[in-house]
Protein backbone atom coordinates (compact mmCIF):
# COMPACT_ATOMS: atom_id res chain seq x y z
CA MET A 1 81.39 86.43 153.56
CA LYS A 2 80.80 85.31 157.02
CA ASN A 3 79.26 82.26 157.32
CA ARG A 4 75.76 82.66 159.61
CA ILE A 5 74.81 80.13 162.07
CA GLU A 6 72.22 81.64 163.61
CA ILE A 7 68.91 80.13 163.36
CA PRO A 8 66.62 82.35 160.89
CA VAL A 9 64.02 84.20 163.05
CA GLU A 10 60.47 83.99 162.04
CA LYS A 11 58.58 87.16 160.91
CA LEU A 12 57.53 89.65 163.43
CA ILE A 13 54.29 89.92 164.97
CA ALA A 14 53.01 93.66 165.71
CA ASN A 15 51.98 94.17 169.11
CA LYS A 16 48.16 94.43 170.35
CA ILE A 17 46.95 97.78 170.12
CA LEU A 18 45.39 98.89 172.98
CA GLU A 19 41.66 100.69 173.15
CA LYS A 20 40.67 101.69 176.06
CA LEU A 21 42.03 103.75 179.34
CA TRP A 22 42.81 101.93 182.13
CA THR A 23 42.27 98.56 180.85
CA TYR A 24 45.97 97.48 181.08
CA LEU A 25 47.63 98.66 184.26
CA THR A 26 51.09 98.27 185.82
CA MET A 27 51.42 98.65 189.81
CA ASN A 28 54.30 98.93 191.79
CA PHE A 29 55.33 99.75 195.62
CA ILE A 30 58.02 101.84 196.51
CA THR A 31 58.82 100.67 200.06
CA LYS A 32 61.22 101.22 202.95
CA LEU A 33 61.32 105.18 202.29
CA LEU A 34 61.45 107.72 205.37
CA LEU A 35 58.39 108.13 207.39
CA VAL A 36 56.76 111.48 206.81
CA ALA A 37 53.35 112.09 207.99
CA GLY A 38 52.91 108.69 209.13
CA LYS A 39 53.52 107.44 205.51
CA ASN A 40 56.52 105.43 204.70
CA VAL A 41 54.92 103.26 201.27
CA ILE A 42 53.71 104.58 197.78
CA LEU A 43 51.95 102.88 195.66
CA VAL A 44 52.15 103.76 191.99
CA VAL A 45 49.65 102.48 189.49
CA CYS A 46 50.20 103.59 185.72
CA ASP A 47 47.94 102.94 182.39
CA LYS A 48 50.00 101.45 179.62
CA LEU A 49 48.02 103.29 176.86
CA SER A 50 47.87 106.99 177.99
CA LYS A 51 50.89 106.46 180.42
CA ILE A 52 48.63 108.65 183.36
CA ILE A 53 50.45 107.50 186.76
CA HIS A 54 48.28 107.95 190.18
CA PHE A 55 50.37 107.91 193.56
CA VAL A 56 48.67 105.90 196.44
CA VAL A 57 50.28 106.43 199.50
CA PRO A 58 49.10 104.02 202.24
CA THR A 59 51.18 103.29 205.12
CA LYS A 60 52.92 99.90 205.53
CA LYS A 61 50.43 98.17 207.67
CA THR A 62 47.08 98.88 205.21
CA LEU A 63 45.31 96.33 204.98
CA ALA A 64 44.70 94.67 201.63
CA LYS A 65 40.78 95.46 202.00
CA ILE A 66 41.47 99.30 202.15
CA LEU A 67 44.15 99.18 199.63
CA ALA A 68 41.45 97.68 197.02
CA ARG A 69 39.23 100.30 198.10
CA LEU A 70 41.72 102.54 197.33
CA PHE A 71 42.58 101.05 194.22
CA LYS A 72 38.98 101.00 192.96
CA MET A 73 38.63 104.98 193.53
CA ILE A 74 41.56 105.88 191.32
């Protein structure tokens, strides 16, 4: 029989159950793409509950104000 040198782990806590769509989001930019039709960046927005994904295609020089407006339209 082996000796246990690990510290006993606490009880596991269940993850919080998400209830509403589009409450918890993940966002990521894909950059340094080839320039196609004047666009070279993709903004990926994903809902954690439903795994619905939206792709927004701004240019690299898009202002934050315009990007916020695009995000709000999703």
